[in-house]
């Protein structure tokens, strides 16, 4: 499902305009990003957890020249772990 399809589905389910549904989706995304940036974690009971994690520096391989080794710097990445209700619904 794309963001556009999510907005259309949300608008239909709530009986609101697509413009309002888009504002709600964008506000949710912005809030999650701000929360992860500020506290490092956003938990939504039953849905899942968005978390900022540190990835260590490591050595990789240049895909254009597999015999060449490259250094990949340490960085922060965002991970998502699905909650119990979400996992159960997908099964």
PDB file of N, CA and C in Angstrom:
ATOM      1  N   UNK A   1       0.852  -1.177   0.000  1.00  0.00           N
ATOM      2  CA  UNK A   1       0.000   0.000   0.000  1.00  0.00           C
ATOM      3  C   UNK A   1       0.894   1.236   0.000  1.00  0.00           C
ATOM      4  N   UNK A   2       0.570   2.168  -0.859  1.00  0.00           N
ATOM      5  CA  UNK A   2       1.330   3.412  -0.932  1.00  0.00           C
ATOM      6  C   UNK A   2       0.719   4.442   0.013  1.00  0.00           C
ATOM      7  N   UNK A   3       1.424   5.551   0.183  1.00  0.00           N
ATOM      8  CA  UNK A   3       0.922   6.622   1.043  1.00  0.00           C
ATOM      9  C   UNK A   3      -0.398   7.167   0.477  1.00  0.00           C
ATOM     10  N   UNK A   4      -0.476   7.303  -0.838  1.00  0.00           N
ATOM     11  CA  UNK A   4      -1.699   7.799  -1.479  1.00  0.00           C
ATOM     12  C   UNK A   4      -2.866   6.853  -1.238  1.00  0.00           C
ATOM     13  N   UNK A   5      -2.620   5.556  -1.345  1.00  0.00           N
ATOM     14  CA  UNK A   5      -3.667   4.570  -1.097  1.00  0.00           C
ATOM     15  C   UNK A   5      -4.083   4.580   0.377  1.00  0.00           C
ATOM     16  N   UNK A   6      -3.124   4.760   1.271  1.00  0.00           N
ATOM     17  CA  UNK A   6      -3.424   4.851   2.703  1.00  0.00           C
ATOM     18  C   UNK A   6      -4.320   6.051   2.978  1.00  0.00           C
ATOM     19  N   UNK A   7      -4.001   7.181   2.368  1.00  0.00           N
ATOM     20  CA  UNK A   7      -4.803   8.401   2.558  1.00  0.00           C
ATOM     21  C   UNK A   7      -6.216   8.183   2.044  1.00  0.00           C
ATOM     22  N   UNK A   8      -6.360   7.584   0.862  1.00  0.00           N
ATOM     23  CA  UNK A   8      -7.682   7.325   0.290  1.00  0.00           C
ATOM     24  C   UNK A   8      -8.486   6.374   1.170  1.00  0.00           C
ATOM     25  N   UNK A   9      -7.843   5.329   1.673  1.00  0.00           N
ATOM     26  CA  UNK A   9      -8.517   4.363   2.536  1.00  0.00           C
ATOM     27  C   UNK A   9      -8.960   5.008   3.849  1.00  0.00           C
ATOM     28  N   UNK A  10      -8.095   5.811   4.431  1.00  0.00           N
ATOM     29  CA  UNK A  10      -8.404   6.501   5.686  1.00  0.00           C
ATOM     30  C   UNK A  10      -9.555   7.489   5.488  1.00  0.00           C
ATOM     31  N   UNK A  11      -9.538   8.221   4.382  1.00  0.00           N
ATOM     32  CA  UNK A  11     -10.603   9.179   4.090  1.00  0.00           C
ATOM     33  C   UNK A  11     -11.956   8.473   3.953  1.00  0.00           C
ATOM     34  N   UNK A  12     -11.937   7.339   3.267  1.00  0.00           N
ATOM     35  CA  UNK A  12     -13.178   6.581   3.078  1.00  0.00           C
ATOM     36  C   UNK A  12     -13.681   6.013   4.401  1.00  0.00           C
ATOM     37  N   UNK A  13     -12.778   5.451   5.196  1.00  0.00           N
ATOM     38  CA  UNK A  13     -13.178   4.826   6.460  1.00  0.00           C
ATOM     39  C   UNK A  13     -13.709   5.845   7.462  1.00  0.00           C
ATOM     40  N   UNK A  14     -13.104   7.041   7.493  1.00  0.00           N
ATOM     41  CA  UNK A  14     -13.530   8.065   8.451  1.00  0.00           C
ATOM     42  C   UNK A  14     -14.615   8.987   7.896  1.00  0.00           C
ATOM     43  N   UNK A  15     -14.857   8.910   6.594  1.00  0.00           N
ATOM     44  CA  UNK A  15     -15.868   9.774   5.993  1.00  0.00           C
ATOM     45  C   UNK A  15     -15.437  11.226   5.943  1.00  0.00           C
ATOM     46  N   UNK A  16     -14.149  11.454   5.707  1.00  0.00           N
ATOM     47  CA  UNK A  16     -13.617  12.818   5.617  1.00  0.00           C
ATOM     48  C   UNK A  16     -12.990  13.005   4.235  1.00  0.00           C
ATOM     49  N   UNK A  17     -12.593  14.243   3.956  1.00  0.00           N
ATOM     50  CA  UNK A  17     -11.983  14.525   2.659  1.00  0.00           C
ATOM     51  C   UNK A  17     -10.573  13.942   2.597  1.00  0.00           C
ATOM     52  N   UNK A  18     -10.102  13.730   1.378  1.00  0.00           N
ATOM     53  CA  UNK A  18      -8.736  13.226   1.205  1.00  0.00           C
ATOM     54  C   UNK A  18      -7.720  14.250   1.704  1.00  0.00           C
ATOM     55  N   UNK A  19      -8.059  15.537   1.602  1.00  0.00           N
ATOM     56  CA  UNK A  19      -7.154  16.594   2.081  1.00  0.00           C
ATOM     57  C   UNK A  19      -6.956  16.477   3.593  1.00  0.00           C
ATOM     58  N   UNK A  20      -8.049  16.274   4.331  1.00  0.00           N
ATOM     59  CA  UNK A  20      -7.956  16.134   5.785  1.00  0.00           C
ATOM     60  C   UNK A  20      -7.225  14.845   6.149  1.00  0.00           C
ATOM     61  N   UNK A  21      -7.517  13.769   5.431  1.00  0.00           N
ATOM     62  CA  UNK A  21      -6.839  12.498   5.688  1.00  0.00           C
ATOM     63  C   UNK A  21      -5.336  12.638   5.428  1.00  0.00           C
ATOM     64  N   UNK A  22      -4.947  13.365   4.379  1.00  0.00           N
ATOM     65  CA  UNK A  22      -3.527  13.592   4.077  1.00  0.00           C
ATOM     66  C   UNK A  22      -2.870  14.385   5.198  1.00  0.00           C
ATOM     67  N   UNK A  23      -3.569  15.379   5.726  1.00  0.00           N
ATOM     68  CA  UNK A  23      -3.034  16.173   6.843  1.00  0.00           C
ATOM     69  C   UNK A  23      -2.830  15.292   8.076  1.00  0.00           C
ATOM     70  N   UNK A  24      -3.771  14.380   8.334  1.00  0.00           N
ATOM     71  CA  UNK A  24      -3.663  13.477   9.480  1.00  0.00           C
ATOM     72  C   UNK A  24      -2.468  12.531   9.318  1.00  0.00           C
ATOM     73  N   UNK A  25      -2.316  11.947   8.140  1.00  0.00           N
ATOM     74  CA  UNK A  25      -1.207  11.025   7.884  1.00  0.00           C
ATOM     75  C   UNK A  25       0.126  11.768   8.004  1.00  0.00           C
ATOM     76  N   UNK A  26       0.210  12.957   7.395  1.00  0.00           N
ATOM     77  CA  UNK A  26       1.451  13.737   7.454  1.00  0.00           C
ATOM     78  C   UNK A  26       1.771  14.179   8.880  1.00  0.00           C
ATOM     79  N   UNK A  27       0.751  14.540   9.651  1.00  0.00           N
ATOM     80  CA  UNK A  27       0.964  14.926  11.048  1.00  0.00           C
ATOM     81  C   UNK A  27       1.463  13.738  11.861  1.00  0.00           C
ATOM     82  N   UNK A  28       0.897  12.553  11.615  1.00  0.00           N
ATOM     83  CA  UNK A  28       1.340  11.348  12.306  1.00  0.00           C
ATOM     84  C   UNK A  28       2.805  11.064  11.998  1.00  0.00           C
ATOM     85  N   UNK A  29       3.161  11.104  10.715  1.00  0.00           N
ATOM     86  CA  UNK A  29       4.542  10.834  10.311  1.00  0.00           C
ATOM     87  C   UNK A  29       5.493  11.848  10.929  1.00  0.00           C
ATOM     88  N   UNK A  30       5.130  13.126  10.882  1.00  0.00           N
ATOM     89  CA  UNK A  30       5.977  14.177  11.460  1.00  0.00           C
ATOM     90  C   UNK A  30       6.151  13.991  12.963  1.00  0.00           C
ATOM     91  N   UNK A  31       5.083  13.585  13.638  1.00  0.00           N
ATOM     92  CA  UNK A  31       5.137  13.367  15.084  1.00  0.00           C
ATOM     93  C   UNK A  31       6.036  12.187  15.431  1.00  0.00           C
ATOM     94  N   UNK A  32       5.953  11.109  14.672  1.00  0.00           N
ATOM     95  CA  UNK A  32       6.817   9.945  14.908  1.00  0.00           C
ATOM     96  C   UNK A  32       8.277  10.327  14.685  1.00  0.00           C
ATOM     97  N   UNK A  33       8.562  11.048  13.605  1.00  0.00           N
ATOM     98  CA  UNK A  33       9.938  11.469  13.320  1.00  0.00           C
ATOM     99  C   UNK A  33      10.469  12.355  14.441  1.00  0.00           C
ATOM    100  N   UNK A  34       9.667  13.327  14.872  1.00  0.00           N
ATOM    101  CA  UNK A  34      10.087  14.227  15.951  1.00  0.00           C
ATOM    102  C   UNK A  34      10.305  13.460  17.253  1.00  0.00           C
ATOM    103  N   UNK A  35       9.432  12.498  17.534  1.00  0.00           N
ATOM    104  CA  UNK A  35       9.561  11.705  18.757  1.00  0.00           C
ATOM    105  C   UNK A  35      10.814  10.852  18.771  1.00  0.00           C
ATOM    106  N   UNK A  36      11.108  10.198  17.648  1.00  0.00           N
ATOM    107  CA  UNK A  36      12.319   9.371  17.566  1.00  0.00           C
ATOM    108  C   UNK A  36      13.557  10.258  17.662  1.00  0.00           C
ATOM    109  N   UNK A  37      13.498  11.417  17.020  1.00  0.00           N
ATOM    110  CA  UNK A  37      14.635  12.341  17.058  1.00  0.00           C
ATOM    111  C   UNK A  37      14.882  12.871  18.474  1.00  0.00           C
ATOM    112  N   UNK A  38      13.796  13.162  19.193  1.00  0.00           N
ATOM    113  CA  UNK A  38      13.924  13.749  20.535  1.00  0.00           C
ATOM    114  C   UNK A  38      14.254  12.713  21.610  1.00  0.00           C
ATOM    115  N   UNK A  39      13.490  11.611  21.647  1.00  0.00           N
ATOM    116  CA  UNK A  39      13.652  10.646  22.740  1.00  0.00           C
ATOM    117  C   UNK A  39      14.322   9.354  22.315  1.00  0.00           C
ATOM    118  N   UNK A  40      14.455   9.135  21.011  1.00  0.00           N
ATOM    119  CA  UNK A  40      15.087   7.922  20.525  1.00  0.00           C
ATOM    120  C   UNK A  40      14.129   6.756  20.361  1.00  0.00           C
ATOM    121  N   UNK A  41      12.843   6.954  20.734  1.00  0.00           N
ATOM    122  CA  UNK A  41      11.901   5.835  20.643  1.00  0.00           C
ATOM    123  C   UNK A  41      10.462   6.331  20.665  1.00  0.00           C
ATOM    124  N   UNK A  42       9.617   5.707  19.843  1.00  0.00           N
ATOM    125  CA  UNK A  42       8.176   5.971  19.870  1.00  0.00           C
ATOM    126  C   UNK A  42       7.483   4.616  19.907  1.00  0.00           C
ATOM    127  N   UNK A  43       6.699   4.372  20.964  1.00  0.00           N
ATOM    128  CA  UNK A  43       5.966   3.111  21.118  1.00  0.00           C
ATOM    129  C   UNK A  43       4.486   3.357  20.910  1.00  0.00           C
ATOM    130  N   UNK A  44       3.891   2.528  20.083  1.00  0.00           N
ATOM    131  CA  UNK A  44       2.449   2.578  19.867  1.00  0.00           C
ATOM    132  C   UNK A  44       1.929   1.206  20.275  1.00  0.00           C
ATOM    133  N   UNK A  45       1.239   1.163  21.411  1.00  0.00           N
ATOM    134  CA  UNK A  45       0.769  -0.088  21.996  1.00  0.00           C
ATOM    135  C   UNK A  45       0.022  -0.930  20.976  1.00  0.00           C
ATOM    136  N   UNK A  46       0.431  -2.164  20.788  1.00  0.00           N
ATOM    137  CA  UNK A  46      -0.227  -3.079  19.879  1.00  0.00           C
ATOM    138  C   UNK A  46       0.233  -2.968  18.436  1.00  0.00           C
ATOM    139  N   UNK A  47       0.819  -1.824  18.060  1.00  0.00           N
ATOM    140  CA  UNK A  47       1.270  -1.622  16.687  1.00  0.00           C
ATOM    141  C   UNK A  47       2.752  -1.892  16.542  1.00  0.00           C
ATOM    142  N   UNK A  48       3.573  -1.187  17.347  1.00  0.00           N
ATOM    143  CA  UNK A  48       5.004  -1.424  17.271  1.00  0.00           C
ATOM    144  C   UNK A  48       5.820  -0.287  17.841  1.00  0.00           C
ATOM    145  N   UNK A  49       7.142  -0.409  17.687  1.00  0.00           N
ATOM    146  CA  UNK A  49       8.084   0.563  18.228  1.00  0.00           C
ATOM    147  C   UNK A  49       9.037   1.032  17.141  1.00  0.00           C
ATOM    148  N   UNK A  50       9.121   2.356  16.997  1.00  0.00           N
ATOM    149  CA  UNK A  50      10.111   2.974  16.129  1.00  0.00           C
ATOM    150  C   UNK A  50      11.265   3.381  17.037  1.00  0.00           C
ATOM    151  N   UNK A  51      12.486   2.995  16.692  1.00  0.00           N
ATOM    152  CA  UNK A  51      13.613   3.236  17.572  1.00  0.00           C
ATOM    153  C   UNK A  51      14.850   3.656  16.787  1.00  0.00           C
ATOM    154  N   UNK A  52      15.587   4.629  17.330  1.00  0.00           N
ATOM    155  CA  UNK A  52      16.855   5.035  16.735  1.00  0.00           C
ATOM    156  C   UNK A  52      17.946   4.141  17.331  1.00  0.00           C
ATOM    157  N   UNK A  53      18.753   3.531  16.471  1.00  0.00           N
ATOM    158  CA  UNK A  53      19.829   2.650  16.902  1.00  0.00           C
ATOM    159  C   UNK A  53      21.135   3.103  16.276  1.00  0.00           C
ATOM    160  N   UNK A  54      22.222   2.767  16.944  1.00  0.00           N
ATOM    161  CA  UNK A  54      23.539   3.083  16.394  1.00  0.00           C
ATOM    162  C   UNK A  54      24.069   1.864  15.651  1.00  0.00           C
ATOM    163  N   UNK A  55      24.568   2.097  14.451  1.00  0.00           N
ATOM    164  CA  UNK A  55      25.193   1.032  13.672  1.00  0.00           C
ATOM    165  C   UNK A  55      26.693   1.308  13.659  1.00  0.00           C
ATOM    166  N   UNK A  56      27.477   0.309  14.015  1.00  0.00           N
ATOM    167  CA  UNK A  56      28.924   0.461  14.082  1.00  0.00           C
ATOM    168  C   UNK A  56      29.528   0.619  12.687  1.00  0.00           C
ATOM    169  N   UNK A  57      30.713   1.232  12.656  1.00  0.00           N
ATOM    170  CA  UNK A  57      31.451   1.317  11.397  1.00  0.00           C
ATOM    171  C   UNK A  57      31.874  -0.093  11.007  1.00  0.00           C
ATOM    172  N   UNK A  58      31.923  -0.324   9.717  1.00  0.00           N
ATOM    173  CA  UNK A  58      32.290  -1.664   9.268  1.00  0.00           C
ATOM    174  C   UNK A  58      32.941  -1.591   7.890  1.00  0.00           C
ATOM    175  N   UNK A  59      33.482  -2.715   7.485  1.00  0.00           N
ATOM    176  CA  UNK A  59      34.105  -2.795   6.176  1.00  0.00           C
ATOM    177  C   UNK A  59      33.134  -3.471   5.222  1.00  0.00           C
ATOM    178  N   UNK A  60      33.020  -2.905   4.028  1.00  0.00           N
ATOM    179  CA  UNK A  60      32.115  -3.464   3.034  1.00  0.00           C
ATOM    180  C   UNK A  60      32.828  -3.693   1.719  1.00  0.00           C
ATOM    181  N   UNK A  61      32.067  -4.045   0.712  1.00  0.00           N
ATOM    182  CA  UNK A  61      32.610  -4.317  -0.613  1.00  0.00           C
ATOM    183  C   UNK A  61      31.987  -3.350  -1.607  1.00  0.00           C
ATOM    184  N   UNK A  62      32.805  -2.784  -2.482  1.00  0.00           N
ATOM    185  CA  UNK A  62      32.332  -1.907  -3.533  1.00  0.00           C
ATOM    186  C   UNK A  62      31.549  -2.759  -4.541  1.00  0.00           C
ATOM    187  N   UNK A  63      30.242  -2.495  -4.747  1.00  0.00           N
ATOM    188  CA  UNK A  63      29.459  -3.333  -5.645  1.00  0.00           C
ATOM    189  C   UNK A  63      29.913  -3.246  -7.113  1.00  0.00           C
ATOM    190  N   UNK A  64      30.552  -2.140  -7.485  1.00  0.00           N
ATOM    191  CA  UNK A  64      31.032  -2.003  -8.857  1.00  0.00           C
ATOM    192  C   UNK A  64      32.366  -2.710  -9.064  1.00  0.00           C
ATOM    193  N   UNK A  65      33.095  -2.914  -7.969  1.00  0.00           N
ATOM    194  CA  UNK A  65      34.386  -3.595  -8.033  1.00  0.00           C
ATOM    195  C   UNK A  65      34.500  -4.477  -6.789  1.00  0.00           C
ATOM    196  N   UNK A  66      33.975  -5.703  -6.814  1.00  0.00           N
ATOM    197  CA  UNK A  66      33.909  -6.561  -5.627  1.00  0.00           C
ATOM    198  C   UNK A  66      35.257  -6.852  -4.958  1.00  0.00           C
ATOM    199  N   UNK A  67      36.347  -6.683  -5.662  1.00  0.00           N
ATOM    200  CA  UNK A  67      37.647  -6.940  -5.040  1.00  0.00           C
ATOM    201  C   UNK A  67      38.112  -5.754  -4.208  1.00  0.00           C
ATOM    202  N   UNK A  68      37.424  -4.612  -4.330  1.00  0.00           N
ATOM    203  CA  UNK A  68      37.809  -3.411  -3.581  1.00  0.00           C
ATOM    204  C   UNK A  68      37.011  -3.322  -2.281  1.00  0.00           C
ATOM    205  N   UNK A  69      37.706  -3.164  -1.166  1.00  0.00           N
ATOM    206  CA  UNK A  69      37.069  -3.008   0.142  1.00  0.00           C
ATOM    207  C   UNK A  69      36.852  -1.522   0.402  1.00  0.00           C
ATOM    208  N   UNK A  70      35.718  -1.200   1.048  1.00  0.00           N
ATOM    209  CA  UNK A  70      35.438   0.186   1.417  1.00  0.00           C
ATOM    210  C   UNK A  70      35.051   0.245   2.886  1.00  0.00           C
ATOM    211  N   UNK A  71      35.265   1.420   3.500  1.00  0.00           N
ATOM    212  CA  UNK A  71      34.874   1.613   4.896  1.00  0.00           C
ATOM    213  C   UNK A  71      33.509   2.276   4.915  1.00  0.00           C
ATOM    214  N   UNK A  72      32.610   1.688   5.682  1.00  0.00           N
ATOM    215  CA  UNK A  72      31.277   2.240   5.868  1.00  0.00           C
ATOM    216  C   UNK A  72      31.263   2.873   7.257  1.00  0.00           C
ATOM    217  N   UNK A  73      31.006   4.192   7.346  1.00  0.00           N
ATOM    218  CA  UNK A  73      31.083   4.877   8.638  1.00  0.00           C
ATOM    219  C   UNK A  73      29.947   4.484   9.585  1.00  0.00           C
ATOM    220  N   UNK A  74      30.162   4.729  10.869  1.00  0.00           N
ATOM    221  CA  UNK A  74      29.114   4.514  11.875  1.00  0.00           C
ATOM    222  C   UNK A  74      27.999   5.518  11.617  1.00  0.00           C
ATOM    223  N   UNK A  75      26.771   5.110  11.915  1.00  0.00           N
ATOM    224  CA  UNK A  75      25.644   6.017  11.705  1.00  0.00           C
ATOM    225  C   UNK A  75      24.464   5.601  12.565  1.00  0.00           C
ATOM    226  N   UNK A  76      23.509   6.517  12.688  1.00  0.00           N
ATOM    227  CA  UNK A  76      22.257   6.211  13.361  1.00  0.00           C
ATOM    228  C   UNK A  76      21.267   5.740  12.312  1.00  0.00           C
ATOM    229  N   UNK A  77      20.503   4.707  12.644  1.00  0.00           N
ATOM    230  CA  UNK A  77      19.466   4.190  11.757  1.00  0.00           C
ATOM    231  C   UNK A  77      18.171   4.025  12.543  1.00  0.00           C
ATOM    232  N   UNK A  78      17.069   4.003  11.838  1.00  0.00           N
ATOM    233  CA  UNK A  78      15.770   3.808  12.477  1.00  0.00           C
ATOM    234  C   UNK A  78      15.337   2.363  12.242  1.00  0.00           C
ATOM    235  N   UNK A  79      14.891   1.721  13.309  1.00  0.00           N
ATOM    236  CA  UNK A  79      14.384   0.359  13.212  1.00  0.00           C
ATOM    237  C   UNK A  79      12.919   0.351  13.657  1.00  0.00           C
ATOM    238  N   UNK A  80      12.198  -0.658  13.201  1.00  0.00           N
ATOM    239  CA  UNK A  80      10.804  -0.830  13.596  1.00  0.00           C
ATOM    240  C   UNK A  80      10.613  -2.262  14.052  1.00  0.00           C
ATOM    241  N   UNK A  81      10.014  -2.430  15.211  1.00  0.00           N
ATOM    242  CA  UNK A  81       9.697  -3.762  15.718  1.00  0.00           C
ATOM    243  C   UNK A  81       8.187  -3.833  15.896  1.00  0.00           C
ATOM    244  N   UNK A  82       7.565  -4.758  15.196  1.00  0.00           N
ATOM    245  CA  UNK A  82       6.107  -4.894  15.247  1.00  0.00           C
ATOM    246  C   UNK A  82       5.646  -5.348  16.617  1.00  0.00           C
ATOM    247  N   UNK A  83       4.487  -4.847  17.043  1.00  0.00           N
ATOM    248  CA  UNK A  83       3.897  -5.221  18.312  1.00  0.00           C
ATOM    249  C   UNK A  83       3.126  -6.536  18.206  1.00  0.00           C
ATOM    250  N   UNK A  84       2.702  -7.056  19.335  1.00  0.00           N
ATOM    251  CA  UNK A  84       2.040  -8.356  19.396  1.00  0.00           C
ATOM    252  C   UNK A  84       0.735  -8.383  18.586  1.00  0.00           C
ATOM    253  N   UNK A  85      -0.077  -7.329  18.694  1.00  0.00           N
ATOM    254  CA  UNK A  85      -1.349  -7.305  17.958  1.00  0.00           C
ATOM    255  C   UNK A  85      -1.106  -7.265  16.454  1.00  0.00           C
ATOM    256  N   UNK A  86      -0.104  -6.501  16.030  1.00  0.00           N
ATOM    257  CA  UNK A  86       0.233  -6.388  14.621  1.00  0.00           C
ATOM    258  C   UNK A  86       0.721  -7.746  14.089  1.00  0.00           C
ATOM    259  N   UNK A  87       1.594  -8.395  14.848  1.00  0.00           N
ATOM    260  CA  UNK A  87       2.096  -9.708  14.450  1.00  0.00           C
ATOM    261  C   UNK A  87       0.959 -10.729  14.332  1.00  0.00           C
ATOM    262  N   UNK A  88       0.056 -10.705  15.305  1.00  0.00           N
ATOM    263  CA  UNK A  88      -1.069 -11.650  15.307  1.00  0.00           C
ATOM    264  C   UNK A  88      -1.996 -11.403  14.113  1.00  0.00           C
ATOM    265  N   UNK A  89      -2.206 -10.154  13.760  1.00  0.00           N
ATOM    266  CA  UNK A  89      -3.093  -9.821  12.641  1.00  0.00           C
ATOM    267  C   UNK A  89      -2.506 -10.277  11.307  1.00  0.00           C
ATOM    268  N   UNK A  90      -1.192 -10.226  11.180  1.00  0.00           N
ATOM    269  CA  UNK A  90      -0.533 -10.627   9.935  1.00  0.00           C
ATOM    270  C   UNK A  90      -0.514 -12.141   9.801  1.00  0.00           C
ATOM    271  N   UNK A  91      -0.399 -12.858  10.915  1.00  0.00           N
ATOM    272  CA  UNK A  91      -0.399 -14.331  10.872  1.00  0.00           C
ATOM    273  C   UNK A  91      -1.746 -14.766  10.457  1.00  0.00           C
TER     274      UNK A  91
END
